[in-house]
Amino acid sequence: MVNFTQFNKDFFPRAGFEWFNTKGVKDVAKGIIAEVTIVTRGYHDHYQGYQVKILNRTGSISSHYFPFSALEVEGEKGKLEIIGYCCPKDIARWYIARPTKASVRGMAKQILSYIDKYTKI
């Protein structure tokens, strides 16, 4: 099984998530949590983005998918994804194509802004 914890911590530095491999959880407001999960989209072990859910005790308030394909590619071109069975030593890392650091920061900021909309509920 591939370990995504460090990959996620690097993607969201100092964001306050508690990571459980592919899933991060963060308190947003009283009785509301944000759940960020790195997900596949149709192909087993091909991780292609983050699914963000805002949840309360009764279920989902909101959900949005942020695809890695929205990131800007640096250097070698290709599809931005993580392929689990191609990760050396079962540590998550980009497969061939790499995103720019600025675009990763931008997506992390966009996801955190989406989550922050629910702090005022």
PDB file of N, CA and C in Angstrom:
ATOM      1  N   MET A   1       0.837  -1.177   0.000  1.00  0.00           N
ATOM      2  CA  MET A   1       0.000   0.000   0.000  1.00  0.00           C
ATOM      3  C   MET A   1       0.889   1.250   0.000  1.00  0.00           C
ATOM      4  N   VAL A   2       0.542   2.180  -0.845  1.00  0.00           N
ATOM      5  CA  VAL A   2       1.329   3.406  -0.986  1.00  0.00           C
ATOM      6  C   VAL A   2       1.024   4.365   0.158  1.00  0.00           C
ATOM      7  N   ASN A   3       2.068   4.993   0.681  1.00  0.00           N
ATOM      8  CA  ASN A   3       1.933   5.964   1.760  1.00  0.00           C
ATOM      9  C   ASN A   3       1.823   7.369   1.153  1.00  0.00           C
ATOM     10  N   PHE A   4       0.678   8.022   1.348  1.00  0.00           N
ATOM     11  CA  PHE A   4       0.427   9.361   0.826  1.00  0.00           C
ATOM     12  C   PHE A   4       0.582  10.458   1.879  1.00  0.00           C
ATOM     13  N   THR A   5       0.832  10.101   3.110  1.00  0.00           N
ATOM     14  CA  THR A   5       0.837  11.076   4.193  1.00  0.00           C
ATOM     15  C   THR A   5       1.820  12.216   3.943  1.00  0.00           C
ATOM     16  N   GLN A   6       3.073  11.916   3.625  1.00  0.00           N
ATOM     17  CA  GLN A   6       4.057  12.979   3.422  1.00  0.00           C
ATOM     18  C   GLN A   6       3.743  13.796   2.173  1.00  0.00           C
ATOM     19  N   PHE A   7       3.282  13.143   1.110  1.00  0.00           N
ATOM     20  CA  PHE A   7       2.889  13.864  -0.112  1.00  0.00           C
ATOM     21  C   PHE A   7       1.828  14.911   0.230  1.00  0.00           C
ATOM     22  N   ASN A   8       0.809  14.496   0.988  1.00  0.00           N
ATOM     23  CA  ASN A   8      -0.275  15.412   1.362  1.00  0.00           C
ATOM     24  C   ASN A   8       0.211  16.533   2.279  1.00  0.00           C
ATOM     25  N   LYS A   9       1.084  16.214   3.216  1.00  0.00           N
ATOM     26  CA  LYS A   9       1.636  17.245   4.106  1.00  0.00           C
ATOM     27  C   LYS A   9       2.449  18.268   3.309  1.00  0.00           C
ATOM     28  N   ASP A  10       3.166  17.800   2.289  1.00  0.00           N
ATOM     29  CA  ASP A  10       3.946  18.707   1.451  1.00  0.00           C
ATOM     30  C   ASP A  10       3.035  19.565   0.568  1.00  0.00           C
ATOM     31  N   PHE A  11       1.923  18.999   0.118  1.00  0.00           N
ATOM     32  CA  PHE A  11       0.969  19.735  -0.726  1.00  0.00           C
ATOM     33  C   PHE A  11       0.260  20.816   0.084  1.00  0.00           C
ATOM     34  N   PHE A  12      -0.051  20.506   1.350  1.00  0.00           N
ATOM     35  CA  PHE A  12      -0.766  21.430   2.245  1.00  0.00           C
ATOM     36  C   PHE A  12       0.053  21.732   3.494  1.00  0.00           C
ATOM     37  N   PRO A  13       1.219  22.403   3.346  1.00  0.00           N
ATOM     38  CA  PRO A  13       2.022  22.671   4.550  1.00  0.00           C
ATOM     39  C   PRO A  13       1.297  23.623   5.504  1.00  0.00           C
ATOM     40  N   ARG A  14       1.373  23.321   6.774  1.00  0.00           N
ATOM     41  CA  ARG A  14       0.801  24.179   7.833  1.00  0.00           C
ATOM     42  C   ARG A  14      -0.695  24.453   7.655  1.00  0.00           C
ATOM     43  N   ALA A  15      -1.437  23.525   7.072  1.00  0.00           N
ATOM     44  CA  ALA A  15      -2.870  23.754   6.832  1.00  0.00           C
ATOM     45  C   ALA A  15      -3.761  23.224   7.952  1.00  0.00           C
ATOM     46  N   GLY A  16      -3.184  22.481   8.886  1.00  0.00           N
ATOM     47  CA  GLY A  16      -3.958  22.021  10.038  1.00  0.00           C
ATOM     48  C   GLY A  16      -4.741  20.739   9.840  1.00  0.00           C
ATOM     49  N   PHE A  17      -4.440  19.970   8.783  1.00  0.00           N
ATOM     50  CA  PHE A  17      -5.120  18.694   8.576  1.00  0.00           C
ATOM     51  C   PHE A  17      -4.472  17.604   9.417  1.00  0.00           C
ATOM     52  N   GLU A  18      -5.268  16.659   9.838  1.00  0.00           N
ATOM     53  CA  GLU A  18      -4.751  15.425  10.416  1.00  0.00           C
ATOM     54  C   GLU A  18      -4.857  14.394   9.300  1.00  0.00           C
ATOM     55  N   TRP A  19      -3.725  13.829   8.871  1.00  0.00           N
ATOM     56  CA  TRP A  19      -3.698  12.946   7.706  1.00  0.00           C
ATOM     57  C   TRP A  19      -3.765  11.477   8.089  1.00  0.00           C
ATOM     58  N   PHE A  20      -4.585  10.754   7.352  1.00  0.00           N
ATOM     59  CA  PHE A  20      -4.738   9.307   7.488  1.00  0.00           C
ATOM     60  C   PHE A  20      -4.490   8.710   6.104  1.00  0.00           C
ATOM     61  N   ASN A  21      -3.234   8.730   5.696  1.00  0.00           N
ATOM     62  CA  ASN A  21      -2.790   8.263   4.390  1.00  0.00           C
ATOM     63  C   ASN A  21      -3.399   9.095   3.261  1.00  0.00           C
ATOM     64  N   THR A  22      -4.464   8.630   2.614  1.00  0.00           N
ATOM     65  CA  THR A  22      -5.043   9.370   1.484  1.00  0.00           C
ATOM     66  C   THR A  22      -6.050  10.430   1.920  1.00  0.00           C
ATOM     67  N   LYS A  23      -6.418  10.445   3.183  1.00  0.00           N
ATOM     68  CA  LYS A  23      -7.471  11.346   3.657  1.00  0.00           C
ATOM     69  C   LYS A  23      -6.970  12.273   4.756  1.00  0.00           C
ATOM     70  N   GLY A  24      -7.362  13.551   4.636  1.00  0.00           N
ATOM     71  CA  GLY A  24      -7.066  14.537   5.665  1.00  0.00           C
ATOM     72  C   GLY A  24      -8.359  15.092   6.221  1.00  0.00           C
ATOM     73  N   VAL A  25      -8.361  15.360   7.528  1.00  0.00           N
ATOM     74  CA  VAL A  25      -9.557  15.871   8.199  1.00  0.00           C
ATOM     75  C   VAL A  25      -9.164  17.119   8.986  1.00  0.00           C
ATOM     76  N   LYS A  26     -10.061  18.114   8.948  1.00  0.00           N
ATOM     77  CA  LYS A  26      -9.797  19.380   9.629  1.00  0.00           C
ATOM     78  C   LYS A  26     -11.108  19.937  10.156  1.00  0.00           C
ATOM     79  N   ASP A  27     -11.107  20.407  11.415  1.00  0.00           N
ATOM     80  CA  ASP A  27     -12.281  21.099  11.950  1.00  0.00           C
ATOM     81  C   ASP A  27     -12.385  22.453  11.263  1.00  0.00           C
ATOM     82  N   VAL A  28     -13.607  22.786  10.835  1.00  0.00           N
ATOM     83  CA  VAL A  28     -13.831  24.036  10.115  1.00  0.00           C
ATOM     84  C   VAL A  28     -14.622  25.008  10.983  1.00  0.00           C
ATOM     85  N   ALA A  29     -15.686  24.533  11.585  1.00  0.00           N
ATOM     86  CA  ALA A  29     -16.548  25.332  12.459  1.00  0.00           C
ATOM     87  C   ALA A  29     -17.190  24.353  13.430  1.00  0.00           C
ATOM     88  N   LYS A  30     -17.938  24.858  14.368  1.00  0.00           N
ATOM     89  CA  LYS A  30     -18.577  23.972  15.346  1.00  0.00           C
ATOM     90  C   LYS A  30     -19.476  22.963  14.624  1.00  0.00           C
ATOM     91  N   GLY A  31     -19.140  21.683  14.779  1.00  0.00           N
ATOM     92  CA  GLY A  31     -19.933  20.618  14.172  1.00  0.00           C
ATOM     93  C   GLY A  31     -19.707  20.415  12.686  1.00  0.00           C
ATOM     94  N   ILE A  32     -18.718  21.098  12.102  1.00  0.00           N
ATOM     95  CA  ILE A  32     -18.446  20.977  10.664  1.00  0.00           C
ATOM     96  C   ILE A  32     -16.974  20.637  10.461  1.00  0.00           C
ATOM     97  N   ILE A  33     -16.713  19.646   9.608  1.00  0.00           N
ATOM     98  CA  ILE A  33     -15.345  19.265   9.271  1.00  0.00           C
ATOM     99  C   ILE A  33     -15.158  19.309   7.759  1.00  0.00           C
ATOM    100  N   ALA A  34     -13.899  19.471   7.368  1.00  0.00           N
ATOM    101  CA  ALA A  34     -13.516  19.346   5.967  1.00  0.00           C
ATOM    102  C   ALA A  34     -12.758  18.039   5.828  1.00  0.00           C
ATOM    103  N   GLU A  35     -13.078  17.324   4.768  1.00  0.00           N
ATOM    104  CA  GLU A  35     -12.417  16.060   4.468  1.00  0.00           C
ATOM    105  C   GLU A  35     -11.807  16.193   3.076  1.00  0.00           C
ATOM    106  N   VAL A  36     -10.485  16.056   2.978  1.00  0.00           N
ATOM    107  CA  VAL A  36      -9.773  16.149   1.709  1.00  0.00           C
ATOM    108  C   VAL A  36      -9.178  14.783   1.419  1.00  0.00           C
ATOM    109  N   THR A  37      -9.523  14.219   0.266  1.00  0.00           N
ATOM    110  CA  THR A  37      -9.074  12.875  -0.079  1.00  0.00           C
ATOM    111  C   THR A  37      -8.450  12.886  -1.467  1.00  0.00           C
ATOM    112  N   ILE A  38      -7.273  12.302  -1.586  1.00  0.00           N
ATOM    113  CA  ILE A  38      -6.664  12.139  -2.898  1.00  0.00           C
ATOM    114  C   ILE A  38      -7.353  10.932  -3.539  1.00  0.00           C
ATOM    115  N   VAL A  39      -7.882  11.105  -4.759  1.00  0.00           N
ATOM    116  CA  VAL A  39      -8.776  10.096  -5.323  1.00  0.00           C
ATOM    117  C   VAL A  39      -8.372   9.641  -6.724  1.00  0.00           C
ATOM    118  N   THR A  40      -8.891   8.465  -7.065  1.00  0.00           N
ATOM    119  CA  THR A  40      -8.775   7.934  -8.419  1.00  0.00           C
ATOM    120  C   THR A  40     -10.038   8.330  -9.181  1.00  0.00           C
ATOM    121  N   ARG A  41      -9.964   8.298 -10.482  1.00  0.00           N
ATOM    122  CA  ARG A  41     -11.117   8.630 -11.325  1.00  0.00           C
ATOM    123  C   ARG A  41     -11.248   7.588 -12.429  1.00  0.00           C
ATOM    124  N   GLY A  42     -11.617   6.380 -12.060  1.00  0.00           N
ATOM    125  CA  GLY A  42     -11.891   5.362 -13.054  1.00  0.00           C
ATOM    126  C   GLY A  42     -10.813   4.315 -13.246  1.00  0.00           C
ATOM    127  N   TYR A  43      -9.570   4.634 -12.915  1.00  0.00           N
ATOM    128  CA  TYR A  43      -8.490   3.665 -13.063  1.00  0.00           C
ATOM    129  C   TYR A  43      -7.911   3.345 -11.701  1.00  0.00           C
ATOM    130  N   HIS A  44      -7.869   2.059 -11.369  1.00  0.00           N
ATOM    131  CA  HIS A  44      -7.332   1.609 -10.090  1.00  0.00           C
ATOM    132  C   HIS A  44      -5.893   2.081  -9.916  1.00  0.00           C
ATOM    133  N   ASP A  45      -5.599   2.663  -8.787  1.00  0.00           N
ATOM    134  CA  ASP A  45      -4.249   3.077  -8.398  1.00  0.00           C
ATOM    135  C   ASP A  45      -3.705   4.270  -9.202  1.00  0.00           C
ATOM    136  N   HIS A  46      -4.560   4.965  -9.971  1.00  0.00           N
ATOM    137  CA  HIS A  46      -4.168   6.180 -10.693  1.00  0.00           C
ATOM    138  C   HIS A  46      -4.852   7.355  -9.992  1.00  0.00           C
ATOM    139  N   TYR A  47      -4.101   8.061  -9.176  1.00  0.00           N
ATOM    140  CA  TYR A  47      -4.655   9.150  -8.363  1.00  0.00           C
ATOM    141  C   TYR A  47      -4.553  10.451  -9.152  1.00  0.00           C
ATOM    142  N   GLN A  48      -5.699  11.108  -9.377  1.00  0.00           N
ATOM    143  CA  GLN A  48      -5.744  12.212 -10.326  1.00  0.00           C
ATOM    144  C   GLN A  48      -6.263  13.530  -9.755  1.00  0.00           C
ATOM    145  N   GLY A  49      -6.459  13.621  -8.452  1.00  0.00           N
ATOM    146  CA  GLY A  49      -6.907  14.880  -7.881  1.00  0.00           C
ATOM    147  C   GLY A  49      -7.360  14.731  -6.441  1.00  0.00           C
ATOM    148  N   TYR A  50      -7.871  15.851  -5.907  1.00  0.00           N
ATOM    149  CA  TYR A  50      -8.392  15.885  -4.539  1.00  0.00           C
ATOM    150  C   TYR A  50      -9.906  16.074  -4.562  1.00  0.00           C
ATOM    151  N   GLN A  51     -10.601  15.253  -3.795  1.00  0.00           N
ATOM    152  CA  GLN A  51     -12.035  15.421  -3.556  1.00  0.00           C
ATOM    153  C   GLN A  51     -12.172  16.072  -2.187  1.00  0.00           C
ATOM    154  N   VAL A  52     -12.850  17.203  -2.148  1.00  0.00           N
ATOM    155  CA  VAL A  52     -13.037  17.930  -0.897  1.00  0.00           C
ATOM    156  C   VAL A  52     -14.501  17.861  -0.507  1.00  0.00           C
ATOM    157  N   LYS A  53     -14.752  17.449   0.729  1.00  0.00           N
ATOM    158  CA  LYS A  53     -16.123  17.381   1.248  1.00  0.00           C
ATOM    159  C   LYS A  53     -16.218  18.203   2.522  1.00  0.00           C
ATOM    160  N   ILE A  54     -17.300  18.921   2.647  1.00  0.00           N
ATOM    161  CA  ILE A  54     -17.617  19.637   3.871  1.00  0.00           C
ATOM    162  C   ILE A  54     -18.766  18.860   4.503  1.00  0.00           C
ATOM    163  N   LEU A  55     -18.561  18.402   5.745  1.00  0.00           N
ATOM    164  CA  LEU A  55     -19.518  17.504   6.393  1.00  0.00           C
ATOM    165  C   LEU A  55     -19.973  18.035   7.746  1.00  0.00           C
ATOM    166  N   ASN A  56     -21.228  17.721   8.078  1.00  0.00           N
ATOM    167  CA  ASN A  56     -21.706  17.933   9.444  1.00  0.00           C
ATOM    168  C   ASN A  56     -22.197  16.585   9.960  1.00  0.00           C
ATOM    169  N   ARG A  57     -22.841  16.572  11.101  1.00  0.00           N
ATOM    170  CA  ARG A  57     -23.273  15.298  11.697  1.00  0.00           C
ATOM    171  C   ARG A  57     -24.286  14.531  10.846  1.00  0.00           C
ATOM    172  N   THR A  58     -25.034  15.235  10.023  1.00  0.00           N
ATOM    173  CA  THR A  58     -26.079  14.567   9.240  1.00  0.00           C
ATOM    174  C   THR A  58     -25.635  14.201   7.828  1.00  0.00           C
ATOM    175  N   GLY A  59     -24.444  14.625   7.431  1.00  0.00           N
ATOM    176  CA  GLY A  59     -23.960  14.253   6.102  1.00  0.00           C
ATOM    177  C   GLY A  59     -23.217  15.379   5.400  1.00  0.00           C
ATOM    178  N   SER A  60     -23.237  15.307   4.083  1.00  0.00           N
ATOM    179  CA  SER A  60     -22.474  16.230   3.257  1.00  0.00           C
ATOM    180  C   SER A  60     -23.193  17.561   3.070  1.00  0.00           C
ATOM    181  N   ILE A  61     -22.461  18.652   3.282  1.00  0.00           N
ATOM    182  CA  ILE A  61     -22.966  19.992   3.019  1.00  0.00           C
ATOM    183  C   ILE A  61     -22.585  20.390   1.596  1.00  0.00           C
ATOM    184  N   SER A  62     -21.333  20.056   1.220  1.00  0.00           N
ATOM    185  CA  SER A  62     -20.823  20.447  -0.088  1.00  0.00           C
ATOM    186  C   SER A  62     -19.679  19.512  -0.472  1.00  0.00           C
ATOM    187  N   SER A  63     -19.440  19.416  -1.776  1.00  0.00           N
ATOM    188  CA  SER A  63     -18.363  18.572  -2.273  1.00  0.00           C
ATOM    189  C   SER A  63     -17.843  19.155  -3.578  1.00  0.00           C
ATOM    190  N   HIS A  64     -16.520  19.083  -3.775  1.00  0.00           N
ATOM    191  CA  HIS A  64     -15.946  19.595  -5.016  1.00  0.00           C
ATOM    192  C   HIS A  64     -14.674  18.812  -5.339  1.00  0.00           C
ATOM    193  N   TYR A  65     -14.462  18.559  -6.639  1.00  0.00           N
ATOM    194  CA  TYR A  65     -13.286  17.838  -7.121  1.00  0.00           C
ATOM    195  C   TYR A  65     -12.292  18.828  -7.718  1.00  0.00           C
ATOM    196  N   PHE A  66     -11.022  18.735  -7.311  1.00  0.00           N
ATOM    197  CA  PHE A  66      -9.942  19.568  -7.826  1.00  0.00           C
ATOM    198  C   PHE A  66      -8.953  18.661  -8.561  1.00  0.00           C
ATOM    199  N   PRO A  67      -8.995  18.644  -9.902  1.00  0.00           N
ATOM    200  CA  PRO A  67      -8.144  17.723 -10.669  1.00  0.00           C
ATOM    201  C   PRO A  67      -6.698  18.197 -10.779  1.00  0.00           C
ATOM    202  N   PHE A  68      -5.770  17.263 -10.735  1.00  0.00           N
ATOM    203  CA  PHE A  68      -4.370  17.591 -10.932  1.00  0.00           C
ATOM    204  C   PHE A  68      -4.127  18.130 -12.346  1.00  0.00           C
ATOM    205  N   SER A  69      -4.994  17.801 -13.289  1.00  0.00           N
ATOM    206  CA  SER A  69      -4.831  18.285 -14.665  1.00  0.00           C
ATOM    207  C   SER A  69      -4.910  19.814 -14.743  1.00  0.00           C
ATOM    208  N   ALA A  70      -5.422  20.468 -13.702  1.00  0.00           N
ATOM    209  CA  ALA A  70      -5.486  21.931 -13.665  1.00  0.00           C
ATOM    210  C   ALA A  70      -4.140  22.554 -13.303  1.00  0.00           C
ATOM    211  N   LEU A  71      -3.199  21.739 -12.848  1.00  0.00           N
ATOM    212  CA  LEU A  71      -1.877  22.241 -12.473  1.00  0.00           C
ATOM    213  C   LEU A  71      -1.014  22.455 -13.714  1.00  0.00           C
ATOM    214  N   GLU A  72      -0.115  23.410 -13.629  1.00  0.00           N
ATOM    215  CA  GLU A  72       0.819  23.684 -14.716  1.00  0.00           C
ATOM    216  C   GLU A  72       1.965  22.679 -14.641  1.00  0.00           C
ATOM    217  N   VAL A  73       2.324  22.112 -15.797  1.00  0.00           N
ATOM    218  CA  VAL A  73       3.377  21.093 -15.845  1.00  0.00           C
ATOM    219  C   VAL A  73       4.725  21.760 -16.051  1.00  0.00           C
ATOM    220  N   GLU A  74       5.716  21.242 -15.341  1.00  0.00           N
ATOM    221  CA  GLU A  74       7.088  21.749 -15.483  1.00  0.00           C
ATOM    222  C   GLU A  74       7.918  20.655 -16.146  1.00  0.00           C
ATOM    223  N   GLY A  75       8.805  21.041 -17.051  1.00  0.00           N
ATOM    224  CA  GLY A  75       9.705  20.077 -17.682  1.00  0.00           C
ATOM    225  C   GLY A  75       8.989  19.094 -18.583  1.00  0.00           C
ATOM    226  N   GLU A  76       9.234  17.800 -18.344  1.00  0.00           N
ATOM    227  CA  GLU A  76       8.683  16.738 -19.186  1.00  0.00           C
ATOM    228  C   GLU A  76       7.159  16.746 -19.154  1.00  0.00           C
ATOM    229  N   LYS A  77       6.571  16.697 -20.319  1.00  0.00           N
ATOM    230  CA  LYS A  77       5.108  16.750 -20.425  1.00  0.00           C
ATOM    231  C   LYS A  77       4.507  15.369 -20.191  1.00  0.00           C
ATOM    232  N   GLY A  78       3.272  15.366 -19.802  1.00  0.00           N
ATOM    233  CA  GLY A  78       2.544  14.122 -19.570  1.00  0.00           C
ATOM    234  C   GLY A  78       1.383  14.387 -18.651  1.00  0.00           C
ATOM    235  N   LYS A  79       0.663  13.352 -18.345  1.00  0.00           N
ATOM    236  CA  LYS A  79      -0.503  13.463 -17.477  1.00  0.00           C
ATOM    237  C   LYS A  79      -0.040  13.597 -16.026  1.00  0.00           C
ATOM    238  N   LEU A  80      -0.601  14.559 -15.315  1.00  0.00           N
ATOM    239  CA  LEU A  80      -0.262  14.739 -13.902  1.00  0.00           C
ATOM    240  C   LEU A  80      -1.092  13.774 -13.067  1.00  0.00           C
ATOM    241  N   GLU A  81      -0.419  12.802 -12.507  1.00  0.00           N
ATOM    242  CA  GLU A  81      -1.091  11.828 -11.656  1.00  0.00           C
ATOM    243  C   GLU A  81      -0.050  11.091 -10.836  1.00  0.00           C
ATOM    244  N   ILE A  82      -0.538  10.340  -9.877  1.00  0.00           N
ATOM    245  CA  ILE A  82       0.298   9.453  -9.079  1.00  0.00           C
ATOM    246  C   ILE A  82      -0.205   8.054  -9.370  1.00  0.00           C
ATOM    247  N   ILE A  83       0.681   7.180  -9.799  1.00  0.00           N
ATOM    248  CA  ILE A  83       0.291   5.793 -10.076  1.00  0.00           C
ATOM    249  C   ILE A  83       0.879   4.946  -8.958  1.00  0.00           C
ATOM    250  N   GLY A  84      -0.004   4.400  -8.151  1.00  0.00           N
ATOM    251  CA  GLY A  84       0.409   3.679  -6.953  1.00  0.00           C
ATOM    252  C   GLY A  84       1.427   2.591  -7.188  1.00  0.00           C
ATOM    253  N   TYR A  85       1.214   1.761  -8.202  1.00  0.00           N
ATOM    254  CA  TYR A  85       2.112   0.628  -8.413  1.00  0.00           C
ATOM    255  C   TYR A  85       3.456   1.044  -9.025  1.00  0.00           C
ATOM    256  N   CYS A  86       3.626   2.328  -9.345  1.00  0.00           N
ATOM    257  CA  CYS A  86       4.902   2.845  -9.872  1.00  0.00           C
ATOM    258  C   CYS A  86       5.667   3.660  -8.833  1.00  0.00           C
ATOM    259  N   CYS A  87       5.191   3.701  -7.615  1.00  0.00           N
ATOM    260  CA  CYS A  87       5.847   4.487  -6.569  1.00  0.00           C
ATOM    261  C   CYS A  87       6.959   3.681  -5.923  1.00  0.00           C
ATOM    262  N   PRO A  88       8.204   4.178  -6.011  1.00  0.00           N
ATOM    263  CA  PRO A  88       9.305   3.444  -5.373  1.00  0.00           C
ATOM    264  C   PRO A  88       9.160   3.423  -3.857  1.00  0.00           C
ATOM    265  N   LYS A  89       9.425   2.279  -3.279  1.00  0.00           N
ATOM    266  CA  LYS A  89       9.351   2.084  -1.824  1.00  0.00           C
ATOM    267  C   LYS A  89       7.971   2.444  -1.260  1.00  0.00           C
ATOM    268  N   ASP A  90       6.942   2.383  -2.105  1.00  0.00           N
ATOM    269  CA  ASP A  90       5.554   2.653  -1.700  1.00  0.00           C
ATOM    270  C   ASP A  90       5.363   4.038  -1.088  1.00  0.00           C
ATOM    271  N   ILE A  91       6.147   5.012  -1.552  1.00  0.00           N
ATOM    272  CA  ILE A  91       6.006   6.407  -1.131  1.00  0.00           C
ATOM    273  C   ILE A  91       5.417   7.179  -2.314  1.00  0.00           C
ATOM    274  N   ALA A  92       4.317   7.866  -2.095  1.00  0.00           N
ATOM    275  CA  ALA A  92       3.633   8.586  -3.179  1.00  0.00           C
ATOM    276  C   ALA A  92       4.522   9.673  -3.768  1.00  0.00           C
ATOM    277  N   ARG A  93       4.547   9.725  -5.104  1.00  0.00           N
ATOM    278  CA  ARG A  93       5.246  10.790  -5.824  1.00  0.00           C
ATOM    279  C   ARG A  93       4.635  10.903  -7.211  1.00  0.00           C
ATOM    280  N   TRP A  94       4.895  12.035  -7.871  1.00  0.00           N
ATOM    281  CA  TRP A  94       4.360  12.261  -9.213  1.00  0.00           C
ATOM    282  C   TRP A  94       4.925  11.234 -10.175  1.00  0.00           C
ATOM    283  N   TYR A  95       4.116  10.805 -11.127  1.00  0.00           N
ATOM    284  CA  TYR A  95       4.534   9.859 -12.150  1.00  0.00           C
ATOM    285  C   TYR A  95       4.896  10.645 -13.410  1.00  0.00           C
ATOM    286  N   ILE A  96       6.120  10.624 -13.825  1.00  0.00           N
ATOM    287  CA  ILE A  96       6.711  11.294 -14.983  1.00  0.00           C
ATOM    288  C   ILE A  96       6.545  12.815 -14.911  1.00  0.00           C
ATOM    289  N   ALA A  97       5.366  13.355 -15.264  1.00  0.00           N
ATOM    290  CA  ALA A  97       5.166  14.812 -15.267  1.00  0.00           C
ATOM    291  C   ALA A  97       5.140  15.340 -13.840  1.00  0.00           C
ATOM    292  N   ARG A  98       5.680  16.541 -13.665  1.00  0.00           N
ATOM    293  CA  ARG A  98       5.697  17.198 -12.362  1.00  0.00           C
ATOM    294  C   ARG A  98       5.042  18.570 -12.496  1.00  0.00           C
ATOM    295  N   PRO A  99       4.256  18.972 -11.521  1.00  0.00           N
ATOM    296  CA  PRO A  99       3.671  20.318 -11.570  1.00  0.00           C
ATOM    297  C   PRO A  99       4.675  21.357 -11.071  1.00  0.00           C
ATOM    298  N   THR A 100       4.478  22.600 -11.463  1.00  0.00           N
ATOM    299  CA  THR A 100       5.328  23.664 -10.928  1.00  0.00           C
ATOM    300  C   THR A 100       4.965  23.881  -9.459  1.00  0.00           C
ATOM    301  N   LYS A 101       5.929  24.341  -8.685  1.00  0.00           N
ATOM    302  CA  LYS A 101       5.675  24.606  -7.265  1.00  0.00           C
ATOM    303  C   LYS A 101       4.616  25.690  -7.101  1.00  0.00           C
ATOM    304  N   ALA A 102       4.650  26.691  -7.983  1.00  0.00           N
ATOM    305  CA  ALA A 102       3.673  27.781  -7.904  1.00  0.00           C
ATOM    306  C   ALA A 102       2.255  27.274  -8.152  1.00  0.00           C
ATOM    307  N   SER A 103       2.093  26.339  -9.098  1.00  0.00           N
ATOM    308  CA  SER A 103       0.740  25.843  -9.370  1.00  0.00           C
ATOM    309  C   SER A 103       0.242  24.942  -8.242  1.00  0.00           C
ATOM    310  N   VAL A 104       1.138  24.212  -7.590  1.00  0.00           N
ATOM    311  CA  VAL A 104       0.748  23.402  -6.419  1.00  0.00           C
ATOM    312  C   VAL A 104       0.299  24.330  -5.295  1.00  0.00           C
ATOM    313  N   ARG A 105       1.074  25.382  -5.033  1.00  0.00           N
ATOM    314  CA  ARG A 105       0.674  26.355  -4.005  1.00  0.00           C
ATOM    315  C   ARG A 105      -0.672  26.983  -4.347  1.00  0.00           C
ATOM    316  N   GLY A 106      -0.874  27.272  -5.634  1.00  0.00           N
ATOM    317  CA  GLY A 106      -2.138  27.866  -6.075  1.00  0.00           C
ATOM    318  C   GLY A 106      -3.324  26.954  -5.855  1.00  0.00           C
ATOM    319  N   MET A 107      -3.159  25.658  -6.176  1.00  0.00           N
ATOM    320  CA  MET A 107      -4.264  24.720  -5.967  1.00  0.00           C
ATOM    321  C   MET A 107      -4.523  24.530  -4.481  1.00  0.00           C
ATOM    322  N   ALA A 108      -3.479  24.417  -3.685  1.00  0.00           N
ATOM    323  CA  ALA A 108      -3.652  24.271  -2.233  1.00  0.00           C
ATOM    324  C   ALA A 108      -4.403  25.481  -1.682  1.00  0.00           C
ATOM    325  N   LYS A 109      -4.034  26.671  -2.140  1.00  0.00           N
ATOM    326  CA  LYS A 109      -4.707  27.889  -1.692  1.00  0.00           C
ATOM    327  C   LYS A 109      -6.177  27.886  -2.123  1.00  0.00           C
ATOM    328  N   GLN A 110      -6.443  27.440  -3.336  1.00  0.00           N
ATOM    329  CA  GLN A 110      -7.828  27.372  -3.835  1.00  0.00           C
ATOM    330  C   GLN A 110      -8.666  26.405  -2.990  1.00  0.00           C
ATOM    331  N   ILE A 111      -8.101  25.254  -2.657  1.00  0.00           N
ATOM    332  CA  ILE A 111      -8.808  24.268  -1.834  1.00  0.00           C
ATOM    333  C   ILE A 111      -9.067  24.833  -0.436  1.00  0.00           C
ATOM    334  N   LEU A 112      -8.057  25.469   0.146  1.00  0.00           N
ATOM    335  CA  LEU A 112      -8.225  26.040   1.484  1.00  0.00           C
ATOM    336  C   LEU A 112      -9.231  27.192   1.476  1.00  0.00           C
ATOM    337  N   SER A 113      -9.282  27.966   0.408  1.00  0.00           N
ATOM    338  CA  SER A 113     -10.281  29.039   0.289  1.00  0.00           C
ATOM    339  C   SER A 113     -11.685  28.457   0.207  1.00  0.00           C
ATOM    340  N   TYR A 114     -11.829  27.365  -0.525  1.00  0.00           N
ATOM    341  CA  TYR A 114     -13.117  26.669  -0.621  1.00  0.00           C
ATOM    342  C   TYR A 114     -13.570  26.214   0.775  1.00  0.00           C
ATOM    343  N   ILE A 115     -12.652  25.635   1.519  1.00  0.00           N
ATOM    344  CA  ILE A 115     -12.962  25.170   2.879  1.00  0.00           C
ATOM    345  C   ILE A 115     -13.298  26.344   3.788  1.00  0.00           C
ATOM    346  N   ASP A 116     -12.548  27.433   3.682  1.00  0.00           N
ATOM    347  CA  ASP A 116     -12.747  28.599   4.542  1.00  0.00           C
ATOM    348  C   ASP A 116     -14.126  29.231   4.373  1.00  0.00           C
ATOM    349  N   LYS A 117     -14.778  29.036   3.255  1.00  0.00           N
ATOM    350  CA  LYS A 117     -16.128  29.579   3.035  1.00  0.00           C
ATOM    351  C   LYS A 117     -17.106  29.044   4.081  1.00  0.00           C
ATOM    352  N   TYR A 118     -16.795  27.902   4.665  1.00  0.00           N
ATOM    353  CA  TYR A 118     -17.705  27.249   5.617  1.00  0.00           C
ATOM    354  C   TYR A 118     -17.356  27.554   7.066  1.00  0.00           C
ATOM    355  N   THR A 119     -16.361  28.387   7.313  1.00  0.00           N
ATOM    356  CA  THR A 119     -16.012  28.739   8.696  1.00  0.00           C
ATOM    357  C   THR A 119     -17.013  29.693   9.305  1.00  0.00           C
ATOM    358  N   LYS A 120     -17.817  30.344   8.488  1.00  0.00           N
ATOM    359  CA  LYS A 120     -18.759  31.363   8.967  1.00  0.00           C
ATOM    360  C   LYS A 120     -20.178  30.838   9.116  1.00  0.00           C
ATOM    361  N   ILE A 121     -20.362  29.555   8.963  1.00  0.00           N
ATOM    362  CA  ILE A 121     -21.717  28.981   9.073  1.00  0.00           C
ATOM    363  C   ILE A 121     -22.153  28.944  10.520  1.00  0.00           C
TER     364      ILE A 121
END
